[in-house]
Amino acid sequence: MSTYKIDISKPVTLEELNESFGIFVYRATRIPPHLGIFINGKIYDITAVGPTLGLDLNSFYQTSVKRKMEVLFIGLDEVKMNNLYNLENRVEASVRKHEMVSELKSCLAPILEVLDEICTVKTNTVHFFFDLYPQLKEKQLVKFTSQLGLEAKIKDNVLALKKYTQEDIKNCIAALDRKTNLVC
């Protein structure tokens, strides 16, 4: 299985995260990882059991540290984006619209919809996170990339992650149907 590389720029404080907008990659080394959005100290995502709407980022962060979860935080540079008026409401509306993951819809769907509205990323060519990240870098939209629980897997400030397939996503969703306490 091939890999893709994520540049880890710097440690970010919880205060900086609370004041930022970006994408989180939860259980980052799992195939497939789970994705969501953080904005204004809250997180938003869709899961197999429904949407997460405005969960406190501090709680998510502390739980991730306590459980030693592997999480990436990719802060996006708002200066480079257009139409930021009421971005949090757009994020929430997109998560509500997509509601749940399914065989036809991954947790990436609301992220792509929001990015399609506010920046120049070509979301029609994105099927997986590893398709999106290079575009964010190329468009110079990445403000920072920070992590929790991945220190041992980072070499020279680079994290190599395995690429995954649509079949991997389908299998994860099927596993969730059998066991609802996991998040993909």
Protein backbone atom coordinates (compact mmCIF):
# COMPACT_ATOMS: atom_id res chain seq x y z
CA MET A 1 0.00 0.00 0.00
CA SER A 2 1.43 3.39 -0.94
CA THR A 3 1.81 6.33 1.41
CA TYR A 4 1.34 10.08 1.42
CA LYS A 5 3.26 12.59 3.51
CA ILE A 6 2.01 15.27 5.86
CA ASP A 7 4.40 18.04 6.93
CA ILE A 8 4.11 18.67 10.67
CA SER A 9 4.84 22.35 11.09
CA LYS A 10 4.75 23.07 14.80
CA PRO A 11 3.09 22.31 18.09
CA VAL A 12 -0.06 24.36 18.50
CA THR A 13 -1.60 25.32 21.81
CA LEU A 14 -5.20 24.57 22.63
CA GLU A 15 -5.80 28.32 22.68
CA GLU A 16 -4.48 28.62 19.10
CA LEU A 17 -6.70 25.72 17.99
CA ASN A 18 -9.73 27.37 19.58
CA GLU A 19 -9.08 30.49 17.53
CA SER A 20 -8.51 28.64 14.25
CA PHE A 21 -10.43 27.08 11.39
CA GLY A 22 -9.32 23.80 9.86
CA ILE A 23 -9.60 20.06 9.40
CA PHE A 24 -8.93 17.44 12.05
CA VAL A 25 -7.87 13.91 11.18
CA TYR A 26 -8.91 11.63 14.04
CA ARG A 27 -7.24 8.25 14.46
CA ALA A 28 -4.87 9.45 11.78
CA THR A 29 -3.04 6.18 11.17
CA ARG A 30 -6.21 4.07 11.02
CA ILE A 31 -7.42 2.94 7.59
CA PRO A 32 -9.44 5.00 6.82
CA PRO A 33 -8.95 7.94 9.19
CA HIS A 34 -11.90 10.03 10.36
CA LEU A 35 -12.17 13.68 9.28
CA GLY A 36 -13.99 16.71 10.56
CA ILE A 37 -13.84 20.48 10.85
CA PHE A 38 -12.79 22.61 13.80
CA ILE A 39 -13.82 26.25 14.04
CA ASN A 40 -14.24 28.77 16.87
CA GLY A 41 -13.46 26.19 19.57
CA LYS A 42 -15.96 23.63 18.27
CA ILE A 43 -15.81 20.52 16.11
CA TYR A 44 -18.21 19.36 13.42
CA ASP A 45 -18.32 16.05 11.55
CA ILE A 46 -20.55 13.30 10.27
CA THR A 47 -20.37 9.75 11.57
CA ALA A 48 -22.25 6.50 11.07
CA VAL A 49 -24.56 7.43 13.95
CA GLY A 50 -25.21 11.02 12.92
CA PRO A 51 -23.68 14.49 12.94
CA THR A 52 -21.52 16.11 15.59
CA LEU A 53 -22.60 19.74 15.84
CA GLY A 54 -20.46 22.11 17.83
CA LEU A 55 -18.80 19.67 20.24
CA ASP A 56 -16.42 21.53 22.53
CA LEU A 57 -12.90 21.38 21.06
CA ASN A 58 -11.36 21.52 24.55
CA SER A 59 -13.22 18.33 25.55
CA PHE A 60 -12.26 16.60 22.29
CA TYR A 61 -8.62 17.61 22.77
CA GLN A 62 -8.46 16.52 26.42
CA THR A 63 -10.17 13.19 25.65
CA SER A 64 -7.74 12.60 22.77
CA VAL A 65 -4.77 13.27 25.05
CA LYS A 66 -6.17 11.10 27.84
CA ARG A 67 -6.91 8.18 25.51
CA LYS A 68 -3.65 8.68 23.57
CA MET A 69 -5.53 9.07 20.30
CA GLU A 70 -3.67 10.03 17.13
CA VAL A 71 -5.00 13.34 15.84
CA LEU A 72 -3.79 15.78 13.20
CA PHE A 73 -4.95 19.38 13.20
CA ILE A 74 -4.55 21.20 9.90
CA GLY A 75 -5.20 24.89 10.38
CA LEU A 76 -6.30 26.67 7.25
CA ASP A 77 -5.19 30.21 6.47
CA GLU A 78 -8.38 32.25 6.46
CA VAL A 79 -6.63 35.21 4.83
CA LYS A 80 -6.37 33.21 1.60
CA MET A 81 -10.06 32.32 1.57
CA ASN A 82 -13.08 34.13 0.22
CA ASN A 83 -16.54 34.71 1.71
CA LEU A 84 -15.75 33.98 5.35
CA TYR A 85 -18.89 35.72 6.54
CA ASN A 86 -20.66 33.44 8.93
CA LEU A 87 -18.39 30.46 8.16
CA GLU A 88 -19.38 28.53 11.26
CA ASN A 89 -23.04 28.59 10.21
CA ARG A 90 -22.02 27.30 6.76
CA VAL A 91 -20.05 24.49 8.37
CA GLU A 92 -23.00 23.51 10.58
CA ALA A 93 -25.44 23.66 7.66
CA SER A 94 -23.21 21.39 5.58
CA VAL A 95 -22.83 18.86 8.40
CA ARG A 96 -26.61 18.88 8.97
CA LYS A 97 -27.20 18.39 5.23
CA HIS A 98 -24.85 15.40 4.96
CA GLU A 99 -25.87 14.04 8.39
CA MET A 100 -24.29 10.55 8.30
CA VAL A 101 -21.61 8.58 6.53
CA SER A 102 -22.76 5.84 4.21
CA GLU A 103 -21.36 3.67 1.43
CA LEU A 104 -21.92 6.62 -0.90
CA LYS A 105 -20.86 9.45 1.43
CA SER A 106 -17.73 9.70 3.57
CA CYS A 107 -16.89 12.09 6.40
CA LEU A 108 -15.03 14.15 3.78
CA ALA A 109 -18.31 15.26 2.12
CA PRO A 110 -19.16 18.27 4.32
CA ILE A 111 -15.52 19.38 4.33
CA LEU A 112 -15.41 19.41 0.54
CA GLU A 113 -18.71 21.27 0.35
CA VAL A 114 -17.45 24.00 2.70
CA LEU A 115 -14.09 24.29 0.94
CA ASP A 116 -15.83 24.43 -2.43
CA GLU A 117 -17.74 27.49 -1.22
CA ILE A 118 -14.88 29.39 0.38
CA CYS A 119 -11.68 28.69 -1.50
CA THR A 120 -10.09 27.70 -4.79
CA VAL A 121 -9.58 24.00 -4.11
CA LYS A 122 -10.83 21.81 -6.97
CA THR A 123 -13.05 19.57 -4.88
CA ASN A 124 -14.40 17.69 -7.89
CA THR A 125 -11.01 15.94 -8.15
CA VAL A 126 -10.92 15.01 -4.45
CA HIS A 127 -12.09 11.57 -3.36
CA PHE A 128 -9.91 11.04 -0.29
CA PHE A 129 -8.03 13.18 2.22
CA PHE A 130 -4.74 12.35 0.50
CA ASP A 131 -6.17 14.00 -2.67
CA LEU A 132 -7.14 17.11 -0.70
CA TYR A 133 -4.00 17.76 1.33
CA PRO A 134 -1.67 18.40 -1.66
CA GLN A 135 -4.14 20.93 -3.07
CA LEU A 136 -4.32 22.75 0.27
CA LYS A 137 -0.50 22.90 0.32
CA GLU A 138 -0.26 23.96 -3.34
CA LYS A 139 -2.79 26.78 -2.82
CA GLN A 140 -0.84 27.83 0.30
CA LEU A 141 -3.92 27.42 2.48
CA VAL A 142 -2.21 25.42 5.24
CA LYS A 143 -1.45 27.71 8.17
CA PHE A 144 -0.15 24.96 10.46
CA THR A 145 -0.19 21.21 10.90
CA SER A 146 0.00 19.96 14.45
CA GLN A 147 -0.55 16.58 16.07
CA LEU A 148 -1.39 14.64 19.18
CA GLY A 149 -0.08 11.15 19.89
CA LEU A 150 1.96 10.81 16.72
CA GLU A 151 5.40 11.86 17.95
CA ALA A 152 6.96 8.39 17.53
CA LYS A 153 5.75 8.18 13.91
CA ILE A 154 7.16 11.51 12.75
CA LYS A 155 10.57 11.66 11.11
CA ASP A 156 12.14 15.00 10.17
CA ASN A 157 8.80 16.75 10.76
CA VAL A 158 7.06 14.48 8.24
CA LEU A 159 4.34 11.94 8.95
CA ALA A 160 3.88 9.19 6.36
CA LEU A 161 0.35 7.79 6.25
CA LYS A 162 -1.02 4.89 4.24
CA LYS A 163 -3.36 5.62 1.37
CA TYR A 164 -6.74 3.95 1.53
CA THR A 165 -9.44 2.99 -0.94
CA GLN A 166 -13.20 3.30 -1.29
CA GLU A 167 -13.35 -0.37 -0.34
CA ASP A 168 -11.57 0.44 2.94
CA ILE A 169 -14.22 3.09 3.69
CA LYS A 170 -17.02 0.66 2.80
CA ASN A 171 -15.53 -2.00 5.09
CA CYS A 172 -15.22 0.47 7.95
CA ILE A 173 -18.85 1.54 7.59
CA ALA A 174 -19.93 -2.12 7.52
CA ALA A 175 -17.95 -2.71 10.71
CA LEU A 176 -19.70 0.26 12.29
CA ASP A 177 -23.04 -1.23 11.46
CA ARG A 178 -21.97 -4.19 13.61
CA LYS A 179 -20.29 -2.15 16.32
CA THR A 180 -21.57 1.38 16.83
CA ASN A 181 -18.99 2.51 19.39
CA LEU A 182 -16.28 3.10 16.76
CA VAL A 183 -15.95 6.23 14.61
CA CYS A 184 -14.76 6.23 11.00
